[in-house]
Amino acid sequence: MCIGVPALVQHVYEDKLSAIVGEEEHLRTVSLMMLLDEVHVGDYLLIQVGNFAVDKVEKQEALKAIKLQQALAEGDYERAAELY
């Protein structure tokens, strides 16, 4: 089982094989080679180990997962339980 992390697409390269995802200081390049769907700026992708995008996710689902990760990182387990 792999853990995926949602990330916002900031830029799609011309070849459409990779994209820049993340927020401000946490940007990274990921491979789009495992996706069947076309990717656009503003989409949310599920990123797994090795920086591979494995799925597109709905914005609301992605934002909920990001908030949950932030709560866990901050040690706010009550908020994390509410979000889960």
C-alpha atoms as a PDB file:
ATOM      1  CA  MET A   1       0.000   0.000   0.000  1.00  0.00           C
ATOM      2  CA  CYS A   2       1.302   3.429  -0.931  1.00  0.00           C
ATOM      3  CA  ILE A   3       0.412   6.763   0.555  1.00  0.00           C
ATOM      4  CA  GLY A   4      -0.511   9.492  -1.887  1.00  0.00           C
ATOM      5  CA  VAL A   5      -0.384  13.208  -1.220  1.00  0.00           C
ATOM      6  CA  PRO A   6      -2.676  15.638  -3.066  1.00  0.00           C
ATOM      7  CA  ALA A   7      -1.018  18.562  -4.830  1.00  0.00           C
ATOM      8  CA  LEU A   8      -2.194  21.485  -6.939  1.00  0.00           C
ATOM      9  CA  VAL A   9      -0.916  21.714 -10.524  1.00  0.00           C
ATOM     10  CA  GLN A  10       0.899  25.015 -11.064  1.00  0.00           C
ATOM     11  CA  HIS A  11       2.395  24.364 -14.504  1.00  0.00           C
ATOM     12  CA  VAL A  12       2.189  21.646 -17.148  1.00  0.00           C
ATOM     13  CA  TYR A  13       5.243  21.255 -19.359  1.00  0.00           C
ATOM     14  CA  GLU A  14       4.796  21.492 -23.129  1.00  0.00           C
ATOM     15  CA  ASP A  15       5.445  17.766 -23.617  1.00  0.00           C
ATOM     16  CA  LYS A  16       2.583  17.030 -21.150  1.00  0.00           C
ATOM     17  CA  LEU A  17       4.725  14.333 -19.503  1.00  0.00           C
ATOM     18  CA  SER A  18       5.495  16.298 -16.348  1.00  0.00           C
ATOM     19  CA  ALA A  19       4.147  19.158 -14.273  1.00  0.00           C
ATOM     20  CA  ILE A  20       5.080  21.426 -11.389  1.00  0.00           C
ATOM     21  CA  VAL A  21       2.821  20.900  -8.386  1.00  0.00           C
ATOM     22  CA  GLY A  22       2.546  22.211  -4.842  1.00  0.00           C
ATOM     23  CA  GLU A  23       2.299  25.520  -3.080  1.00  0.00           C
ATOM     24  CA  GLU A  24       4.846  28.371  -3.062  1.00  0.00           C
ATOM     25  CA  GLU A  25       7.872  27.069  -1.141  1.00  0.00           C
ATOM     26  CA  HIS A  26       6.990  23.386  -1.675  1.00  0.00           C
ATOM     27  CA  LEU A  27       6.997  23.122  -5.461  1.00  0.00           C
ATOM     28  CA  ARG A  28       8.217  19.970  -7.172  1.00  0.00           C
ATOM     29  CA  THR A  29       8.225  18.383 -10.584  1.00  0.00           C
ATOM     30  CA  VAL A  30       6.172  15.216 -11.006  1.00  0.00           C
ATOM     31  CA  SER A  31       5.723  12.704 -13.795  1.00  0.00           C
ATOM     32  CA  LEU A  32       2.331  12.514 -15.512  1.00  0.00           C
ATOM     33  CA  MET A  33       3.174   9.330 -17.410  1.00  0.00           C
ATOM     34  CA  MET A  34       0.845   7.145 -15.316  1.00  0.00           C
ATOM     35  CA  LEU A  35      -2.245   9.289 -15.965  1.00  0.00           C
ATOM     36  CA  LEU A  36      -4.742   8.669 -18.725  1.00  0.00           C
ATOM     37  CA  ASP A  37      -6.548  11.998 -18.325  1.00  0.00           C
ATOM     38  CA  GLU A  38      -5.207  15.304 -19.589  1.00  0.00           C
ATOM     39  CA  VAL A  39      -3.899  17.550 -16.795  1.00  0.00           C
ATOM     40  CA  HIS A  40      -4.437  21.301 -16.545  1.00  0.00           C
ATOM     41  CA  VAL A  41      -3.232  24.079 -14.256  1.00  0.00           C
ATOM     42  CA  GLY A  42      -5.586  24.152 -11.262  1.00  0.00           C
ATOM     43  CA  ASP A  43      -6.183  20.385 -11.192  1.00  0.00           C
ATOM     44  CA  TYR A  44      -5.359  18.415  -8.068  1.00  0.00           C
ATOM     45  CA  LEU A  45      -3.311  15.248  -8.455  1.00  0.00           C
ATOM     46  CA  LEU A  46      -2.538  12.383  -6.108  1.00  0.00           C
ATOM     47  CA  ILE A  47       1.269  12.120  -5.912  1.00  0.00           C
ATOM     48  CA  GLN A  48       3.015   8.976  -4.718  1.00  0.00           C
ATOM     49  CA  VAL A  49       6.591   8.075  -3.834  1.00  0.00           C
ATOM     50  CA  GLY A  50       8.955   8.764  -6.706  1.00  0.00           C
ATOM     51  CA  ASN A  51       7.019  11.904  -7.690  1.00  0.00           C
ATOM     52  CA  PHE A  52       4.520  10.071  -9.880  1.00  0.00           C
ATOM     53  CA  ALA A  53       1.001  11.444 -10.301  1.00  0.00           C
ATOM     54  CA  VAL A  54      -1.325   8.445 -10.128  1.00  0.00           C
ATOM     55  CA  ASP A  55      -4.779  10.034 -10.208  1.00  0.00           C
ATOM     56  CA  LYS A  56      -6.718  13.270 -10.482  1.00  0.00           C
ATOM     57  CA  VAL A  57      -8.757  14.130  -7.387  1.00  0.00           C
ATOM     58  CA  GLU A  58     -11.683  16.462  -6.819  1.00  0.00           C
ATOM     59  CA  LYS A  59     -10.739  19.848  -5.358  1.00  0.00           C
ATOM     60  CA  GLN A  60     -12.878  19.414  -2.221  1.00  0.00           C
ATOM     61  CA  GLU A  61     -11.389  15.994  -1.478  1.00  0.00           C
ATOM     62  CA  ALA A  62      -7.846  17.300  -2.017  1.00  0.00           C
ATOM     63  CA  LEU A  63      -8.351  20.336   0.237  1.00  0.00           C
ATOM     64  CA  LYS A  64      -9.783  18.151   3.002  1.00  0.00           C
ATOM     65  CA  ALA A  65      -6.750  15.845   2.815  1.00  0.00           C
ATOM     66  CA  ILE A  66      -4.367  18.827   2.852  1.00  0.00           C
ATOM     67  CA  LYS A  67      -6.087  20.263   5.952  1.00  0.00           C
ATOM     68  CA  LEU A  68      -5.842  16.853   7.637  1.00  0.00           C
ATOM     69  CA  GLN A  69      -2.110  16.656   6.881  1.00  0.00           C
ATOM     70  CA  GLN A  70      -1.584  20.171   8.250  1.00  0.00           C
ATOM     71  CA  ALA A  71      -3.443  19.330  11.468  1.00  0.00           C
ATOM     72  CA  LEU A  72      -1.331  16.200  11.961  1.00  0.00           C
ATOM     73  CA  ALA A  73       1.897  18.094  11.235  1.00  0.00           C
ATOM     74  CA  GLU A  74       0.915  20.702  13.842  1.00  0.00           C
ATOM     75  CA  GLY A  75       0.063  18.012  16.396  1.00  0.00           C
ATOM     76  CA  ASP A  76      -3.594  19.098  16.467  1.00  0.00           C
ATOM     77  CA  TYR A  77      -5.031  15.598  16.735  1.00  0.00           C
ATOM     78  CA  GLU A  78      -8.503  16.765  17.760  1.00  0.00           C
ATOM     79  CA  ARG A  79      -8.846  18.806  14.567  1.00  0.00           C
ATOM     80  CA  ALA A  80      -7.397  15.925  12.571  1.00  0.00           C
ATOM     81  CA  ALA A  81     -10.007  13.550  14.028  1.00  0.00           C
ATOM     82  CA  GLU A  82     -12.782  15.976  13.099  1.00  0.00           C
ATOM     83  CA  LEU A  83     -11.482  16.240   9.539  1.00  0.00           C
ATOM     84  CA  TYR A  84     -11.101  12.500   9.198  1.00  0.00           C
END
